């Protein structure tokens, strides 16, 4: 398509849909910013309140132990969300310029953000930052207009496996003008269905749940096939993640459970103890691995675990 002459040669949006009633810009998140999280958290590791935990844990749960943890987390989100901010601001300009050049001022402005592989930019982080940007106060320093819809597509994350297929998030965020376009709901549902079919999947309507209450996992992690032989501890961890039977307990009860297991295990590793008795030690080690997995999920401070008597 040959665009009308634009002396300023401003960047234009990628696509026109629905007979020019939708101007769409597509952005792909490609920069892994996980190093920024590590650097930000490292500054607080020596603080007394910083929890001691095994393996990995959710950064927000770790920071919840600190009195200023929420402020630290907010700064981290803003830092790793720079690419999201750049995507939104750039799309606003491109959509605005496309409307102007083509003379379609009332066309819907839509941004699609695709995350194919950057695990640190999960749906909660990206969605939170997009909402902040769409609601931000306008200073008048730019002629870029607000977007009407932002569609988030995540191939990087999933809500588990459904029918052998990763349940990948598809989230639509509505702008202030969204109510002016009641027809867009059916239009978007059709496009989403076509996208899913192209990827050999289907669309499942999940309603409007709170993303913070949802547990997203990296698609690469949940789709990787089990090796022929796995270390015993890794097998135990996978089994617990499939059936987290300690999840209903309170934090203190989980820590007490871990303390009891430690107390039962310790004699078998002491010089005066009964020694290694496989039929006793192995079940206890399996249970203790399950405890570690639950403690890491909650980012519990293991220093608060009751000490063996």
C-alpha atoms as a PDB file:
ATOM      1  CA  UNK A   1       0.000   0.000   0.000  1.00  0.00           C
ATOM      2  CA  UNK A   2       1.346   3.416  -0.961  1.00  0.00           C
ATOM      3  CA  UNK A   3       0.825   5.907   1.839  1.00  0.00           C
ATOM      4  CA  UNK A   4       0.036   9.572   1.194  1.00  0.00           C
ATOM      5  CA  UNK A   5       3.075  11.828   1.250  1.00  0.00           C
ATOM      6  CA  UNK A   6       4.269  12.738   4.750  1.00  0.00           C
ATOM      7  CA  UNK A   7       7.008  15.401   4.641  1.00  0.00           C
ATOM      8  CA  UNK A   8       7.941  14.673   8.249  1.00  0.00           C
ATOM      9  CA  UNK A   9       8.372  10.953   7.474  1.00  0.00           C
ATOM     10  CA  UNK A  10       6.906   9.961  10.807  1.00  0.00           C
ATOM     11  CA  UNK A  11       6.696   6.283  11.693  1.00  0.00           C
ATOM     12  CA  UNK A  12       3.377   4.593  10.956  1.00  0.00           C
ATOM     13  CA  UNK A  13       1.533   1.677  12.530  1.00  0.00           C
ATOM     14  CA  UNK A  14       1.911  -1.852  11.177  1.00  0.00           C
ATOM     15  CA  UNK A  15      -1.625  -2.842  10.181  1.00  0.00           C
ATOM     16  CA  UNK A  16      -5.075  -1.562   9.238  1.00  0.00           C
ATOM     17  CA  UNK A  17      -7.961  -3.876  10.164  1.00  0.00           C
ATOM     18  CA  UNK A  18     -11.757  -3.891   9.815  1.00  0.00           C
ATOM     19  CA  UNK A  19     -11.785  -1.669   6.716  1.00  0.00           C
ATOM     20  CA  UNK A  20      -9.536   0.949   8.350  1.00  0.00           C
ATOM     21  CA  UNK A  21     -11.598   1.120  11.508  1.00  0.00           C
ATOM     22  CA  UNK A  22      -8.686  -0.312  13.529  1.00  0.00           C
ATOM     23  CA  UNK A  23      -5.108   0.951  13.409  1.00  0.00           C
ATOM     24  CA  UNK A  24      -2.864  -1.711  14.929  1.00  0.00           C
ATOM     25  CA  UNK A  25       0.769  -1.629  16.013  1.00  0.00           C
ATOM     26  CA  UNK A  26       2.587  -4.839  16.986  1.00  0.00           C
ATOM     27  CA  UNK A  27       5.491  -4.808  19.447  1.00  0.00           C
ATOM     28  CA  UNK A  28       7.553  -7.813  20.540  1.00  0.00           C
ATOM     29  CA  UNK A  29       9.335  -7.894  23.891  1.00  0.00           C
ATOM     30  CA  UNK A  30      12.817  -9.230  23.279  1.00  0.00           C
ATOM     31  CA  UNK A  31      15.160  -7.866  25.959  1.00  0.00           C
ATOM     32  CA  UNK A  32      15.710 -10.008  29.061  1.00  0.00           C
ATOM     33  CA  UNK A  33      15.973  -7.626  32.019  1.00  0.00           C
ATOM     34  CA  UNK A  34      16.326 -10.246  34.769  1.00  0.00           C
ATOM     35  CA  UNK A  35      19.784  -8.886  35.621  1.00  0.00           C
ATOM     36  CA  UNK A  36      18.128  -5.678  36.807  1.00  0.00           C
ATOM     37  CA  UNK A  37      16.078  -7.643  39.339  1.00  0.00           C
ATOM     38  CA  UNK A  38      19.148  -9.437  40.684  1.00  0.00           C
ATOM     39  CA  UNK A  39      21.044  -6.162  40.987  1.00  0.00           C
ATOM     40  CA  UNK A  40      18.176  -4.432  42.790  1.00  0.00           C
ATOM     41  CA  UNK A  41      17.623  -7.316  45.237  1.00  0.00           C
ATOM     42  CA  UNK A  42      21.348  -7.764  45.941  1.00  0.00           C
ATOM     43  CA  UNK A  43      21.400  -4.357  47.629  1.00  0.00           C
ATOM     44  CA  UNK A  44      19.158  -5.699  50.412  1.00  0.00           C
ATOM     45  CA  UNK A  45      20.496  -9.227  50.987  1.00  0.00           C
ATOM     46  CA  UNK A  46      22.515  -8.240  54.068  1.00  0.00           C
ATOM     47  CA  UNK A  47      19.533  -6.731  55.881  1.00  0.00           C
ATOM     48  CA  UNK A  48      18.359  -8.576  58.984  1.00  0.00           C
ATOM     49  CA  UNK A  49      14.814  -8.901  57.625  1.00  0.00           C
ATOM     50  CA  UNK A  50      15.917 -10.495  54.332  1.00  0.00           C
ATOM     51  CA  UNK A  51      14.706 -14.121  54.364  1.00  0.00           C
ATOM     52  CA  UNK A  52      16.888 -17.195  54.096  1.00  0.00           C
ATOM     53  CA  UNK A  53      15.461 -19.627  51.526  1.00  0.00           C
ATOM     54  CA  UNK A  54      16.523 -22.482  49.261  1.00  0.00           C
ATOM     55  CA  UNK A  55      16.557 -22.434  45.438  1.00  0.00           C
ATOM     56  CA  UNK A  56      14.406 -19.688  43.893  1.00  0.00           C
ATOM     57  CA  UNK A  57      11.471 -17.646  45.165  1.00  0.00           C
ATOM     58  CA  UNK A  58       9.077 -15.010  43.883  1.00  0.00           C
ATOM     59  CA  UNK A  59      10.761 -11.617  44.273  1.00  0.00           C
ATOM     60  CA  UNK A  60       7.631  -9.916  45.605  1.00  0.00           C
ATOM     61  CA  UNK A  61       7.206 -12.568  48.303  1.00  0.00           C
ATOM     62  CA  UNK A  62      10.866 -12.209  49.260  1.00  0.00           C
ATOM     63  CA  UNK A  63      10.567  -8.442  49.522  1.00  0.00           C
ATOM     64  CA  UNK A  64       7.357  -8.728  51.563  1.00  0.00           C
ATOM     65  CA  UNK A  65       9.605  -9.518  54.569  1.00  0.00           C
ATOM     66  CA  UNK A  66      11.071  -6.003  54.373  1.00  0.00           C
ATOM     67  CA  UNK A  67       9.162  -3.005  55.790  1.00  0.00           C
ATOM     68  CA  UNK A  68       9.816  -1.066  52.568  1.00  0.00           C
ATOM     69  CA  UNK A  69       9.462  -4.127  50.344  1.00  0.00           C
ATOM     70  CA  UNK A  70       6.468  -2.835  48.407  1.00  0.00           C
ATOM     71  CA  UNK A  71       8.314   0.363  47.457  1.00  0.00           C
ATOM     72  CA  UNK A  72      11.363  -1.650  46.379  1.00  0.00           C
ATOM     73  CA  UNK A  73       9.182  -3.948  44.294  1.00  0.00           C
ATOM     74  CA  UNK A  74       7.468  -0.977  42.640  1.00  0.00           C
ATOM     75  CA  UNK A  75      10.834   0.466  41.616  1.00  0.00           C
ATOM     76  CA  UNK A  76      11.912  -2.914  40.226  1.00  0.00           C
ATOM     77  CA  UNK A  77       8.719  -3.219  38.169  1.00  0.00           C
ATOM     78  CA  UNK A  78       9.259   0.252  36.728  1.00  0.00           C
ATOM     79  CA  UNK A  79      12.869  -0.614  35.923  1.00  0.00           C
ATOM     80  CA  UNK A  80      12.223  -3.916  34.142  1.00  0.00           C
ATOM     81  CA  UNK A  81       9.165  -2.416  32.465  1.00  0.00           C
ATOM     82  CA  UNK A  82      11.180   0.114  30.451  1.00  0.00           C
ATOM     83  CA  UNK A  83      10.697  -1.913  27.263  1.00  0.00           C
ATOM     84  CA  UNK A  84       6.943  -1.982  27.924  1.00  0.00           C
ATOM     85  CA  UNK A  85       6.912   1.794  28.389  1.00  0.00           C
ATOM     86  CA  UNK A  86       8.844   2.278  25.161  1.00  0.00           C
ATOM     87  CA  UNK A  87       6.378   0.006  23.347  1.00  0.00           C
ATOM     88  CA  UNK A  88       3.320   1.922  24.571  1.00  0.00           C
ATOM     89  CA  UNK A  89       4.711   5.404  23.929  1.00  0.00           C
ATOM     90  CA  UNK A  90       5.999   4.458  20.489  1.00  0.00           C
ATOM     91  CA  UNK A  91       2.693   2.836  19.529  1.00  0.00           C
ATOM     92  CA  UNK A  92       0.766   5.936  20.609  1.00  0.00           C
ATOM     93  CA  UNK A  93       2.854   8.062  18.236  1.00  0.00           C
ATOM     94  CA  UNK A  94       2.646   5.599  15.342  1.00  0.00           C
ATOM     95  CA  UNK A  95      -1.122   5.158  15.641  1.00  0.00           C
ATOM     96  CA  UNK A  96      -1.649   8.930  15.900  1.00  0.00           C
ATOM     97  CA  UNK A  97       0.489   9.615  12.816  1.00  0.00           C
ATOM     98  CA  UNK A  98      -1.282   6.893  10.831  1.00  0.00           C
ATOM     99  CA  UNK A  99      -4.680   8.340  11.679  1.00  0.00           C
ATOM    100  CA  UNK A 100      -3.500  11.791  10.593  1.00  0.00           C
ATOM    101  CA  UNK A 101      -1.882  10.738   7.304  1.00  0.00           C
ATOM    102  CA  UNK A 102      -4.842   8.560   6.246  1.00  0.00           C
ATOM    103  CA  UNK A 103      -7.512  10.945   7.499  1.00  0.00           C
ATOM    104  CA  UNK A 104      -9.170   8.425   9.839  1.00  0.00           C
ATOM    105  CA  UNK A 105      -9.260  10.302  13.180  1.00  0.00           C
ATOM    106  CA  UNK A 106     -11.993   8.078  14.648  1.00  0.00           C
ATOM    107  CA  UNK A 107     -10.279   4.743  13.988  1.00  0.00           C
ATOM    108  CA  UNK A 108      -9.530   2.561  17.006  1.00  0.00           C
ATOM    109  CA  UNK A 109      -5.943   2.737  18.210  1.00  0.00           C
ATOM    110  CA  UNK A 110      -4.726  -0.723  19.215  1.00  0.00           C
ATOM    111  CA  UNK A 111      -1.395  -2.092  20.400  1.00  0.00           C
ATOM    112  CA  UNK A 112      -0.522  -5.789  20.488  1.00  0.00           C
ATOM    113  CA  UNK A 113       2.363  -6.712  22.784  1.00  0.00           C
ATOM    114  CA  UNK A 114       3.796 -10.165  22.149  1.00  0.00           C
ATOM    115  CA  UNK A 115       6.150 -11.804  24.632  1.00  0.00           C
ATOM    116  CA  UNK A 116       7.662 -14.888  23.056  1.00  0.00           C
ATOM    117  CA  UNK A 117      10.410 -15.799  25.525  1.00  0.00           C
ATOM    118  CA  UNK A 118      11.276 -13.161  28.181  1.00  0.00           C
ATOM    119  CA  UNK A 119      10.224 -14.879  31.426  1.00  0.00           C
ATOM    120  CA  UNK A 120      10.978 -11.955  33.763  1.00  0.00           C
ATOM    121  CA  UNK A 121       8.281  -9.930  31.965  1.00  0.00           C
ATOM    122  CA  UNK A 122       5.308 -11.975  33.131  1.00  0.00           C
ATOM    123  CA  UNK A 123       1.627 -11.052  32.551  1.00  0.00           C
ATOM    124  CA  UNK A 124       1.311  -9.358  35.962  1.00  0.00           C
ATOM    125  CA  UNK A 125       4.335  -7.104  35.462  1.00  0.00           C
ATOM    126  CA  UNK A 126       3.480  -6.204  31.869  1.00  0.00           C
ATOM    127  CA  UNK A 127      -0.238  -5.732  32.521  1.00  0.00           C
ATOM    128  CA  UNK A 128       0.400  -3.555  35.579  1.00  0.00           C
ATOM    129  CA  UNK A 129       2.804  -1.316  33.655  1.00  0.00           C
ATOM    130  CA  UNK A 130       0.499  -0.996  30.642  1.00  0.00           C
ATOM    131  CA  UNK A 131      -2.430   0.061  32.850  1.00  0.00           C
ATOM    132  CA  UNK A 132      -0.223   2.646  34.576  1.00  0.00           C
ATOM    133  CA  UNK A 133       0.827   4.101  31.225  1.00  0.00           C
ATOM    134  CA  UNK A 134      -2.675   4.180  29.777  1.00  0.00           C
ATOM    135  CA  UNK A 135      -3.932   6.049  32.844  1.00  0.00           C
ATOM    136  CA  UNK A 136      -1.002   8.438  33.153  1.00  0.00           C
ATOM    137  CA  UNK A 137      -1.576  12.171  33.234  1.00  0.00           C
ATOM    138  CA  UNK A 138      -0.916  13.845  29.910  1.00  0.00           C
ATOM    139  CA  UNK A 139       1.470  16.828  30.038  1.00  0.00           C
ATOM    140  CA  UNK A 140       0.711  18.203  26.585  1.00  0.00           C
ATOM    141  CA  UNK A 141       4.337  17.849  25.462  1.00  0.00           C
ATOM    142  CA  UNK A 142       3.336  15.319  22.816  1.00  0.00           C
ATOM    143  CA  UNK A 143       0.540  15.202  20.268  1.00  0.00           C
ATOM    144  CA  UNK A 144       0.317  11.408  20.596  1.00  0.00           C
ATOM    145  CA  UNK A 145      -3.195  10.226  21.420  1.00  0.00           C
ATOM    146  CA  UNK A 146      -4.150   7.537  23.931  1.00  0.00           C
ATOM    147  CA  UNK A 147      -4.548   3.962  22.814  1.00  0.00           C
ATOM    148  CA  UNK A 148      -8.027   2.461  22.981  1.00  0.00           C
ATOM    149  CA  UNK A 149      -7.012  -1.183  23.474  1.00  0.00           C
ATOM    150  CA  UNK A 150      -3.855  -3.089  24.320  1.00  0.00           C
ATOM    151  CA  UNK A 151      -3.852  -6.822  23.654  1.00  0.00           C
ATOM    152  CA  UNK A 152      -1.224  -8.814  25.549  1.00  0.00           C
ATOM    153  CA  UNK A 153      -0.166 -12.189  24.141  1.00  0.00           C
ATOM    154  CA  UNK A 154       2.221 -14.417  26.093  1.00  0.00           C
ATOM    155  CA  UNK A 155       3.942 -17.386  24.515  1.00  0.00           C
ATOM    156  CA  UNK A 156       6.550 -17.016  27.274  1.00  0.00           C
ATOM    157  CA  UNK A 157       4.165 -17.986  30.099  1.00  0.00           C
ATOM    158  CA  UNK A 158       1.323 -20.382  30.766  1.00  0.00           C
ATOM    159  CA  UNK A 159      -1.253 -21.172  33.426  1.00  0.00           C
ATOM    160  CA  UNK A 160      -0.439 -24.863  33.216  1.00  0.00           C
ATOM    161  CA  UNK A 161      -1.220 -27.571  30.681  1.00  0.00           C
ATOM    162  CA  UNK A 162      -4.751 -28.153  29.388  1.00  0.00           C
ATOM    163  CA  UNK A 163      -5.272 -31.169  27.162  1.00  0.00           C
ATOM    164  CA  UNK A 164      -1.544 -31.425  26.599  1.00  0.00           C
ATOM    165  CA  UNK A 165      -1.309 -27.813  25.420  1.00  0.00           C
ATOM    166  CA  UNK A 166       0.102 -24.838  27.408  1.00  0.00           C
ATOM    167  CA  UNK A 167      -2.659 -22.458  28.532  1.00  0.00           C
ATOM    168  CA  UNK A 168      -1.082 -19.217  27.321  1.00  0.00           C
ATOM    169  CA  UNK A 169      -2.478 -15.889  28.586  1.00  0.00           C
ATOM    170  CA  UNK A 170      -4.311 -13.537  26.239  1.00  0.00           C
ATOM    171  CA  UNK A 171      -5.352 -10.326  27.993  1.00  0.00           C
ATOM    172  CA  UNK A 172      -7.196  -7.292  26.630  1.00  0.00           C
ATOM    173  CA  UNK A 173      -6.751  -3.958  28.423  1.00  0.00           C
ATOM    174  CA  UNK A 174      -9.295  -1.257  27.654  1.00  0.00           C
ATOM    175  CA  UNK A 175      -8.554   2.443  27.441  1.00  0.00           C
ATOM    176  CA  UNK A 176     -10.751   5.402  28.363  1.00  0.00           C
ATOM    177  CA  UNK A 177     -12.467   5.505  24.953  1.00  0.00           C
ATOM    178  CA  UNK A 178     -13.155   1.769  24.766  1.00  0.00           C
ATOM    179  CA  UNK A 179     -16.844   2.133  25.598  1.00  0.00           C
ATOM    180  CA  UNK A 180     -17.355   4.059  22.335  1.00  0.00           C
ATOM    181  CA  UNK A 181     -16.690   0.906  20.334  1.00  0.00           C
ATOM    182  CA  UNK A 182     -19.173  -1.796  21.472  1.00  0.00           C
ATOM    183  CA  UNK A 183     -18.626  -3.713  18.221  1.00  0.00           C
ATOM    184  CA  UNK A 184     -14.959  -4.249  19.051  1.00  0.00           C
ATOM    185  CA  UNK A 185     -15.687  -7.062  21.556  1.00  0.00           C
ATOM    186  CA  UNK A 186     -16.950  -9.423  18.859  1.00  0.00           C
ATOM    187  CA  UNK A 187     -14.220  -8.293  16.464  1.00  0.00           C
ATOM    188  CA  UNK A 188     -11.467  -9.020  18.986  1.00  0.00           C
ATOM    189  CA  UNK A 189     -12.985 -12.401  19.870  1.00  0.00           C
ATOM    190  CA  UNK A 190     -12.855 -13.335  16.187  1.00  0.00           C
ATOM    191  CA  UNK A 191      -9.222 -12.233  15.811  1.00  0.00           C
ATOM    192  CA  UNK A 192      -8.240 -14.042  19.025  1.00  0.00           C
ATOM    193  CA  UNK A 193      -9.906 -17.211  17.778  1.00  0.00           C
ATOM    194  CA  UNK A 194      -8.038 -17.001  14.487  1.00  0.00           C
ATOM    195  CA  UNK A 195      -4.754 -16.450  16.335  1.00  0.00           C
ATOM    196  CA  UNK A 196      -5.370 -19.503  18.497  1.00  0.00           C
ATOM    197  CA  UNK A 197      -6.324 -21.659  15.505  1.00  0.00           C
ATOM    198  CA  UNK A 198      -3.160 -20.573  13.689  1.00  0.00           C
ATOM    199  CA  UNK A 199      -1.200 -21.865  16.682  1.00  0.00           C
ATOM    200  CA  UNK A 200      -3.161 -25.148  16.830  1.00  0.00           C
ATOM    201  CA  UNK A 201      -5.066 -24.071  19.941  1.00  0.00           C
ATOM    202  CA  UNK A 202      -8.457 -22.819  21.079  1.00  0.00           C
ATOM    203  CA  UNK A 203      -9.641 -19.821  23.066  1.00  0.00           C
ATOM    204  CA  UNK A 204     -10.990 -20.424  26.564  1.00  0.00           C
ATOM    205  CA  UNK A 205     -12.758 -17.478  28.184  1.00  0.00           C
ATOM    206  CA  UNK A 206     -11.318 -17.047  31.656  1.00  0.00           C
ATOM    207  CA  UNK A 207     -13.466 -14.069  32.566  1.00  0.00           C
ATOM    208  CA  UNK A 208     -11.785 -11.166  34.370  1.00  0.00           C
ATOM    209  CA  UNK A 209      -9.848 -12.698  37.286  1.00  0.00           C
ATOM    210  CA  UNK A 210      -7.292 -10.786  39.344  1.00  0.00           C
ATOM    211  CA  UNK A 211      -3.927 -11.503  37.634  1.00  0.00           C
ATOM    212  CA  UNK A 212      -2.178 -11.241  41.019  1.00  0.00           C
ATOM    213  CA  UNK A 213      -4.130 -14.292  42.197  1.00  0.00           C
ATOM    214  CA  UNK A 214      -2.999 -16.343  39.208  1.00  0.00           C
ATOM    215  CA  UNK A 215       0.203 -18.390  39.127  1.00  0.00           C
ATOM    216  CA  UNK A 216       2.058 -18.113  35.841  1.00  0.00           C
ATOM    217  CA  UNK A 217       4.910 -20.431  34.929  1.00  0.00           C
ATOM    218  CA  UNK A 218       7.491 -20.157  32.200  1.00  0.00           C
ATOM    219  CA  UNK A 219       6.281 -22.083  29.161  1.00  0.00           C
ATOM    220  CA  UNK A 220       9.758 -23.479  28.622  1.00  0.00           C
ATOM    221  CA  UNK A 221       9.718 -24.970  32.115  1.00  0.00           C
ATOM    222  CA  UNK A 222       6.330 -26.694  31.957  1.00  0.00           C
ATOM    223  CA  UNK A 223       6.731 -28.010  28.415  1.00  0.00           C
ATOM    224  CA  UNK A 224      10.249 -29.398  28.762  1.00  0.00           C
ATOM    225  CA  UNK A 225      10.084 -33.158  28.694  1.00  0.00           C
ATOM    226  CA  UNK A 226      11.396 -35.110  31.641  1.00  0.00           C
ATOM    227  CA  UNK A 227      14.873 -36.500  31.044  1.00  0.00           C
ATOM    228  CA  UNK A 228      15.265 -40.270  30.933  1.00  0.00           C
ATOM    229  CA  UNK A 229      16.940 -40.141  34.326  1.00  0.00           C
ATOM    230  CA  UNK A 230      16.439 -37.264  36.754  1.00  0.00           C
ATOM    231  CA  UNK A 231      18.156 -36.615  40.070  1.00  0.00           C
ATOM    232  CA  UNK A 232      15.966 -37.948  42.841  1.00  0.00           C
ATOM    233  CA  UNK A 233      15.497 -34.491  44.378  1.00  0.00           C
ATOM    234  CA  UNK A 234      14.273 -33.033  41.091  1.00  0.00           C
ATOM    235  CA  UNK A 235      11.731 -35.851  40.724  1.00  0.00           C
ATOM    236  CA  UNK A 236      10.457 -35.154  44.245  1.00  0.00           C
ATOM    237  CA  UNK A 237      10.159 -31.440  43.472  1.00  0.00           C
ATOM    238  CA  UNK A 238       8.200 -32.111  40.291  1.00  0.00           C
ATOM    239  CA  UNK A 239       5.889 -34.475  42.138  1.00  0.00           C
ATOM    240  CA  UNK A 240       5.223 -31.883  44.832  1.00  0.00           C
ATOM    241  CA  UNK A 241       4.504 -29.135  42.304  1.00  0.00           C
ATOM    242  CA  UNK A 242       1.925 -31.465  40.753  1.00  0.00           C
ATOM    243  CA  UNK A 243       0.313 -32.074  44.180  1.00  0.00           C
ATOM    244  CA  UNK A 244       1.241 -29.302  46.675  1.00  0.00           C
ATOM    245  CA  UNK A 245      -0.372 -30.920  49.715  1.00  0.00           C
ATOM    246  CA  UNK A 246       1.088 -28.373  52.188  1.00  0.00           C
ATOM    247  CA  UNK A 247      -0.451 -25.384  50.414  1.00  0.00           C
ATOM    248  CA  UNK A 248      -3.497 -25.222  52.738  1.00  0.00           C
ATOM    249  CA  UNK A 249      -1.351 -24.781  55.869  1.00  0.00           C
ATOM    250  CA  UNK A 250      -0.413 -21.440  57.382  1.00  0.00           C
ATOM    251  CA  UNK A 251       3.199 -20.214  57.239  1.00  0.00           C
ATOM    252  CA  UNK A 252       3.918 -21.116  60.874  1.00  0.00           C
ATOM    253  CA  UNK A 253       2.531 -24.621  60.379  1.00  0.00           C
ATOM    254  CA  UNK A 254       4.712 -25.151  57.307  1.00  0.00           C
ATOM    255  CA  UNK A 255       7.809 -24.009  59.215  1.00  0.00           C
ATOM    256  CA  UNK A 256       6.885 -26.254  62.156  1.00  0.00           C
ATOM    257  CA  UNK A 257       6.508 -29.188  59.756  1.00  0.00           C
ATOM    258  CA  UNK A 258       9.982 -28.503  58.399  1.00  0.00           C
ATOM    259  CA  UNK A 259      11.391 -28.313  61.914  1.00  0.00           C
ATOM    260  CA  UNK A 260       9.881 -31.683  62.801  1.00  0.00           C
ATOM    261  CA  UNK A 261      11.339 -33.309  59.693  1.00  0.00           C
ATOM    262  CA  UNK A 262      14.755 -31.838  60.466  1.00  0.00           C
ATOM    263  CA  UNK A 263      14.568 -33.149  64.022  1.00  0.00           C
ATOM    264  CA  UNK A 264      13.790 -36.658  62.752  1.00  0.00           C
ATOM    265  CA  UNK A 265      16.543 -36.554  60.131  1.00  0.00           C
ATOM    266  CA  UNK A 266      19.417 -35.182  62.196  1.00  0.00           C
ATOM    267  CA  UNK A 267      20.179 -38.312  64.267  1.00  0.00           C
ATOM    268  CA  UNK A 268      20.871 -40.259  61.080  1.00  0.00           C
ATOM    269  CA  UNK A 269      23.655 -37.838  60.157  1.00  0.00           C
ATOM    270  CA  UNK A 270      25.320 -37.671  63.595  1.00  0.00           C
ATOM    271  CA  UNK A 271      28.247 -39.803  64.675  1.00  0.00           C
ATOM    272  CA  UNK A 272      26.383 -41.265  67.644  1.00  0.00           C
ATOM    273  CA  UNK A 273      23.156 -41.809  65.701  1.00  0.00           C
ATOM    274  CA  UNK A 274      21.684 -44.912  64.071  1.00  0.00           C
ATOM    275  CA  UNK A 275      23.392 -44.077  60.767  1.00  0.00           C
ATOM    276  CA  UNK A 276      21.939 -44.149  57.312  1.00  0.00           C
ATOM    277  CA  UNK A 277      18.850 -46.353  57.264  1.00  0.00           C
ATOM    278  CA  UNK A 278      17.440 -46.090  53.761  1.00  0.00           C
ATOM    279  CA  UNK A 279      13.867 -47.109  54.544  1.00  0.00           C
ATOM    280  CA  UNK A 280      13.723 -44.370  57.208  1.00  0.00           C
ATOM    281  CA  UNK A 281      15.880 -41.618  55.722  1.00  0.00           C
ATOM    282  CA  UNK A 282      14.606 -41.667  52.133  1.00  0.00           C
ATOM    283  CA  UNK A 283      10.920 -40.988  52.959  1.00  0.00           C
ATOM    284  CA  UNK A 284      12.008 -38.207  55.322  1.00  0.00           C
ATOM    285  CA  UNK A 285      14.286 -36.682  52.665  1.00  0.00           C
ATOM    286  CA  UNK A 286      11.410 -36.764  50.197  1.00  0.00           C
ATOM    287  CA  UNK A 287       9.127 -34.990  52.663  1.00  0.00           C
ATOM    288  CA  UNK A 288      11.838 -32.451  53.479  1.00  0.00           C
ATOM    289  CA  UNK A 289      12.297 -31.722  49.751  1.00  0.00           C
ATOM    290  CA  UNK A 290       8.548 -31.122  49.537  1.00  0.00           C
ATOM    291  CA  UNK A 291       8.821 -28.760  52.493  1.00  0.00           C
ATOM    292  CA  UNK A 292      11.661 -26.868  50.776  1.00  0.00           C
ATOM    293  CA  UNK A 293       9.581 -26.513  47.619  1.00  0.00           C
ATOM    294  CA  UNK A 294       6.624 -25.091  49.561  1.00  0.00           C
ATOM    295  CA  UNK A 295       8.881 -22.790  51.592  1.00  0.00           C
ATOM    296  CA  UNK A 296      10.448 -21.468  48.381  1.00  0.00           C
ATOM    297  CA  UNK A 297       7.010 -20.930  46.834  1.00  0.00           C
ATOM    298  CA  UNK A 298       6.097 -18.742  49.834  1.00  0.00           C
ATOM    299  CA  UNK A 299       9.603 -17.241  50.228  1.00  0.00           C
ATOM    300  CA  UNK A 300       9.522 -18.206  53.912  1.00  0.00           C
ATOM    301  CA  UNK A 301      12.443 -17.176  56.104  1.00  0.00           C
ATOM    302  CA  UNK A 302      13.941 -20.508  57.157  1.00  0.00           C
ATOM    303  CA  UNK A 303      15.650 -18.857  60.088  1.00  0.00           C
ATOM    304  CA  UNK A 304      12.214 -18.852  61.702  1.00  0.00           C
ATOM    305  CA  UNK A 305      11.918 -22.639  61.445  1.00  0.00           C
ATOM    306  CA  UNK A 306      11.816 -24.213  64.944  1.00  0.00           C
ATOM    307  CA  UNK A 307      15.275 -25.501  65.893  1.00  0.00           C
ATOM    308  CA  UNK A 308      15.656 -29.246  66.525  1.00  0.00           C
ATOM    309  CA  UNK A 309      15.679 -30.023  70.242  1.00  0.00           C
END
